[in-house]
N, C-alpha and C. Protein backbone atom coordinates (compact mmCIF):
# COMPACT_ATOMS: atom_id res chain seq x y z
N MET A 1 0.84 -1.17 0.00
CA MET A 1 0.00 0.00 0.00
C MET A 1 0.89 1.24 0.00
N GLU A 2 0.61 2.19 -0.86
CA GLU A 2 1.36 3.44 -0.93
C GLU A 2 0.79 4.44 0.07
N LYS A 3 1.67 5.20 0.71
CA LYS A 3 1.23 6.19 1.68
C LYS A 3 1.13 7.56 1.03
N LEU A 4 0.13 8.32 1.43
CA LEU A 4 -0.04 9.70 0.98
C LEU A 4 0.83 10.58 1.86
N ARG A 5 1.67 11.39 1.24
CA ARG A 5 2.55 12.29 2.00
C ARG A 5 2.27 13.72 1.55
N LYS A 6 1.78 14.53 2.50
CA LYS A 6 1.47 15.93 2.22
C LYS A 6 2.20 16.82 3.21
N LYS A 7 2.69 17.95 2.72
CA LYS A 7 3.32 18.93 3.58
C LYS A 7 2.22 19.74 4.26
N LEU A 8 2.22 19.77 5.58
CA LEU A 8 1.21 20.52 6.32
C LEU A 8 1.63 21.98 6.41
N SER A 9 0.65 22.85 6.40
CA SER A 9 0.90 24.28 6.52
C SER A 9 1.43 24.61 7.91
N ASN A 10 2.41 25.48 7.98
CA ASN A 10 2.91 25.92 9.29
C ASN A 10 2.29 27.26 9.68
N LYS A 11 1.27 27.71 8.93
CA LYS A 11 0.62 28.99 9.19
C LYS A 11 -0.59 28.86 10.11
N VAL A 12 -1.06 27.66 10.34
CA VAL A 12 -2.22 27.43 11.20
C VAL A 12 -1.91 26.30 12.17
N ASP A 13 -2.72 26.20 13.22
CA ASP A 13 -2.46 25.17 14.23
C ASP A 13 -3.27 23.90 14.00
N ARG A 14 -3.81 23.75 12.83
CA ARG A 14 -4.58 22.55 12.49
C ARG A 14 -3.89 21.83 11.32
N PRO A 15 -4.19 20.54 11.11
CA PRO A 15 -3.55 19.83 10.00
C PRO A 15 -4.17 20.26 8.66
N VAL A 16 -3.56 21.25 8.03
CA VAL A 16 -4.06 21.82 6.77
C VAL A 16 -3.01 21.59 5.68
N PHE A 17 -3.48 21.19 4.50
CA PHE A 17 -2.59 21.02 3.36
C PHE A 17 -3.28 21.60 2.12
N GLU A 18 -2.52 21.77 1.04
CA GLU A 18 -3.07 22.32 -0.20
C GLU A 18 -3.13 21.24 -1.27
N ILE A 19 -4.14 21.36 -2.14
CA ILE A 19 -4.22 20.49 -3.31
C ILE A 19 -4.39 21.37 -4.54
N ASN A 20 -3.90 20.86 -5.67
CA ASN A 20 -4.12 21.51 -6.96
C ASN A 20 -5.48 21.08 -7.49
N VAL A 21 -6.17 22.01 -8.13
CA VAL A 21 -7.46 21.68 -8.74
C VAL A 21 -7.45 22.10 -10.20
N GLN A 22 -8.39 21.55 -10.95
CA GLN A 22 -8.53 21.78 -12.38
C GLN A 22 -7.23 21.49 -13.10
N ASP A 23 -6.69 22.48 -13.79
CA ASP A 23 -5.49 22.27 -14.59
C ASP A 23 -4.21 22.50 -13.81
N GLY A 24 -4.31 22.59 -12.49
CA GLY A 24 -3.14 22.78 -11.65
C GLY A 24 -2.81 24.24 -11.39
N ASN A 25 -3.59 25.16 -11.95
CA ASN A 25 -3.34 26.59 -11.76
C ASN A 25 -4.01 27.15 -10.52
N LYS A 26 -4.87 26.38 -9.88
CA LYS A 26 -5.56 26.83 -8.68
C LYS A 26 -5.27 25.85 -7.56
N LYS A 27 -5.20 26.40 -6.35
CA LYS A 27 -5.00 25.56 -5.16
C LYS A 27 -6.07 25.88 -4.14
N ILE A 28 -6.45 24.88 -3.37
CA ILE A 28 -7.35 25.10 -2.24
C ILE A 28 -6.74 24.45 -1.01
N ARG A 29 -7.03 25.06 0.15
CA ARG A 29 -6.57 24.50 1.42
C ARG A 29 -7.58 23.47 1.90
N CYS A 30 -7.07 22.38 2.42
CA CYS A 30 -7.91 21.30 2.94
C CYS A 30 -7.55 21.03 4.39
N LEU A 31 -8.56 20.84 5.21
CA LEU A 31 -8.35 20.43 6.59
C LEU A 31 -8.42 18.91 6.64
N PHE A 32 -7.39 18.29 7.16
CA PHE A 32 -7.39 16.84 7.33
C PHE A 32 -8.12 16.53 8.62
N ASP A 33 -9.36 16.10 8.50
CA ASP A 33 -10.23 15.85 9.65
C ASP A 33 -10.40 14.35 9.84
N THR A 34 -9.69 13.79 10.80
CA THR A 34 -9.73 12.35 11.00
C THR A 34 -11.07 11.87 11.55
N GLY A 35 -11.90 12.80 12.05
CA GLY A 35 -13.20 12.41 12.60
C GLY A 35 -14.34 12.52 11.60
N ALA A 36 -14.05 12.99 10.39
CA ALA A 36 -15.11 13.19 9.39
C ALA A 36 -15.46 11.87 8.71
N ASP A 37 -16.75 11.69 8.47
CA ASP A 37 -17.21 10.51 7.74
C ASP A 37 -17.19 10.73 6.23
N ILE A 38 -17.40 11.98 5.81
CA ILE A 38 -17.41 12.32 4.38
C ILE A 38 -16.65 13.63 4.18
N PRO A 39 -16.09 13.84 2.98
CA PRO A 39 -15.46 15.13 2.71
C PRO A 39 -16.51 16.23 2.57
N VAL A 40 -16.22 17.42 3.07
CA VAL A 40 -17.17 18.53 3.04
C VAL A 40 -16.49 19.75 2.42
N PHE A 41 -17.14 20.38 1.46
CA PHE A 41 -16.66 21.62 0.83
C PHE A 41 -17.47 22.75 1.42
N THR A 42 -16.83 23.69 2.09
CA THR A 42 -17.57 24.70 2.86
C THR A 42 -17.61 26.08 2.24
N LEU A 43 -17.14 26.22 1.01
CA LEU A 43 -17.09 27.55 0.38
C LEU A 43 -18.33 27.89 -0.44
N GLY A 44 -19.31 27.00 -0.50
CA GLY A 44 -20.54 27.27 -1.22
C GLY A 44 -20.54 26.71 -2.64
N ARG A 45 -21.75 26.65 -3.22
CA ARG A 45 -21.92 26.05 -4.54
C ARG A 45 -21.17 26.80 -5.63
N GLU A 46 -21.21 28.13 -5.59
CA GLU A 46 -20.56 28.93 -6.64
C GLU A 46 -19.05 28.64 -6.70
N MET A 47 -18.41 28.60 -5.54
CA MET A 47 -16.98 28.31 -5.50
C MET A 47 -16.69 26.86 -5.87
N LEU A 48 -17.58 25.95 -5.45
CA LEU A 48 -17.41 24.54 -5.83
C LEU A 48 -17.38 24.41 -7.34
N MET A 49 -18.31 25.09 -8.02
CA MET A 49 -18.38 25.00 -9.47
C MET A 49 -17.21 25.73 -10.14
N MET A 50 -16.67 26.75 -9.50
CA MET A 50 -15.50 27.43 -10.04
C MET A 50 -14.28 26.50 -10.01
N TYR A 51 -14.07 25.84 -8.86
CA TYR A 51 -12.94 24.94 -8.72
C TYR A 51 -13.13 23.61 -9.43
N PHE A 52 -14.37 23.12 -9.45
CA PHE A 52 -14.66 21.81 -10.03
C PHE A 52 -15.84 21.93 -11.00
N PRO A 53 -15.62 22.50 -12.19
CA PRO A 53 -16.73 22.75 -13.13
C PRO A 53 -17.43 21.48 -13.63
N ASN A 54 -16.79 20.33 -13.47
CA ASN A 54 -17.40 19.07 -13.90
C ASN A 54 -18.19 18.39 -12.78
N ALA A 55 -18.31 19.04 -11.62
CA ALA A 55 -19.05 18.45 -10.51
C ALA A 55 -20.52 18.30 -10.89
N VAL A 56 -21.08 17.16 -10.51
CA VAL A 56 -22.47 16.84 -10.86
C VAL A 56 -23.28 16.67 -9.58
N LEU A 57 -24.38 17.42 -9.47
CA LEU A 57 -25.27 17.29 -8.33
C LEU A 57 -25.97 15.94 -8.37
N CYS A 58 -25.91 15.20 -7.27
CA CYS A 58 -26.62 13.92 -7.15
C CYS A 58 -27.98 14.23 -6.54
N GLU A 59 -28.95 14.53 -7.38
CA GLU A 59 -30.24 15.04 -6.93
C GLU A 59 -31.02 14.08 -6.03
N GLU A 60 -30.77 12.80 -6.15
CA GLU A 60 -31.54 11.83 -5.37
C GLU A 60 -30.95 11.57 -3.98
N PHE A 61 -29.82 12.21 -3.67
CA PHE A 61 -29.16 11.98 -2.39
C PHE A 61 -28.90 13.28 -1.64
N TYR A 62 -28.77 13.18 -0.34
CA TYR A 62 -28.30 14.28 0.49
C TYR A 62 -27.61 13.66 1.70
N ALA A 63 -26.86 14.47 2.41
CA ALA A 63 -26.15 14.00 3.60
C ALA A 63 -26.66 14.75 4.82
N GLU A 64 -26.77 14.05 5.93
CA GLU A 64 -27.07 14.67 7.22
C GLU A 64 -25.73 14.95 7.88
N ILE A 65 -25.38 16.24 8.03
CA ILE A 65 -24.09 16.58 8.61
C ILE A 65 -24.27 17.40 9.89
N SER A 66 -23.27 17.31 10.75
CA SER A 66 -23.28 18.09 11.99
C SER A 66 -21.83 18.44 12.33
N GLY A 67 -21.67 19.22 13.38
CA GLY A 67 -20.32 19.58 13.81
C GLY A 67 -19.87 20.93 13.33
N PHE A 68 -20.77 21.72 12.78
CA PHE A 68 -20.43 23.06 12.29
C PHE A 68 -21.03 24.15 13.17
N GLY A 69 -21.26 23.83 14.43
CA GLY A 69 -21.80 24.80 15.36
C GLY A 69 -23.30 24.93 15.32
N LYS A 70 -23.95 24.12 14.51
CA LYS A 70 -25.41 24.12 14.41
C LYS A 70 -25.91 22.72 14.70
N SER A 71 -27.22 22.58 14.67
CA SER A 71 -27.77 21.24 14.78
C SER A 71 -27.55 20.52 13.46
N GLU A 72 -27.91 19.27 13.41
CA GLU A 72 -27.76 18.49 12.18
C GLU A 72 -28.50 19.17 11.04
N GLU A 73 -27.88 19.19 9.85
CA GLU A 73 -28.52 19.81 8.70
C GLU A 73 -28.31 18.95 7.46
N GLN A 74 -29.16 19.16 6.46
CA GLN A 74 -29.06 18.43 5.22
C GLN A 74 -28.14 19.18 4.25
N ALA A 75 -27.26 18.43 3.59
CA ALA A 75 -26.33 19.02 2.64
C ALA A 75 -26.45 18.30 1.30
N LEU A 76 -26.31 19.05 0.23
CA LEU A 76 -26.33 18.47 -1.11
C LEU A 76 -25.06 17.66 -1.34
N ILE A 77 -25.16 16.66 -2.20
CA ILE A 77 -24.02 15.82 -2.53
C ILE A 77 -23.68 16.01 -4.01
N TYR A 78 -22.40 16.23 -4.28
CA TYR A 78 -21.90 16.37 -5.64
C TYR A 78 -20.88 15.27 -5.92
N ASN A 79 -20.89 14.77 -7.14
CA ASN A 79 -19.87 13.84 -7.60
C ASN A 79 -18.84 14.65 -8.38
N ILE A 80 -17.57 14.56 -7.98
CA ILE A 80 -16.50 15.28 -8.68
C ILE A 80 -15.66 14.23 -9.42
N PRO A 81 -15.86 14.13 -10.74
CA PRO A 81 -15.09 13.13 -11.51
C PRO A 81 -13.59 13.43 -11.45
N ASN A 82 -12.79 12.40 -11.41
CA ASN A 82 -11.33 12.51 -11.46
C ASN A 82 -10.75 13.38 -10.35
N PHE A 83 -11.31 13.31 -9.17
CA PHE A 83 -10.77 14.03 -8.02
C PHE A 83 -9.56 13.26 -7.52
N ILE A 84 -8.39 13.91 -7.54
CA ILE A 84 -7.14 13.23 -7.19
C ILE A 84 -6.37 14.05 -6.17
N ILE A 85 -5.94 13.40 -5.12
CA ILE A 85 -5.01 14.01 -4.17
C ILE A 85 -3.70 13.24 -4.30
N GLN A 86 -2.63 13.95 -4.65
CA GLN A 86 -1.34 13.31 -4.85
C GLN A 86 -0.36 13.69 -3.75
N SER A 87 0.60 12.82 -3.53
CA SER A 87 1.66 13.11 -2.57
C SER A 87 2.52 14.27 -3.07
N ASP A 88 3.09 14.99 -2.13
CA ASP A 88 4.00 16.09 -2.45
C ASP A 88 5.38 15.56 -2.85
N ILE A 89 5.68 14.34 -2.46
CA ILE A 89 7.02 13.77 -2.68
C ILE A 89 7.06 13.01 -3.98
């Protein structure tokens, strides 16, 4: 099994790393959350579509999420084709 190796940011006190998106000209910061059951994009639909224009809304599904300072809420689910996180090394 190959291990994923990412350089963590030294600018914050949480495990944060960057990934390239689209053609590699854009980067987004990701929080490595070991307690999360699913990946969550918190910048809104408009930014999701800017970073991942091929994302497809899965209209028949939604996720019940919590842990954002509110009670449990329903979130839309998108499929992002060819989503790849690569090692820095």
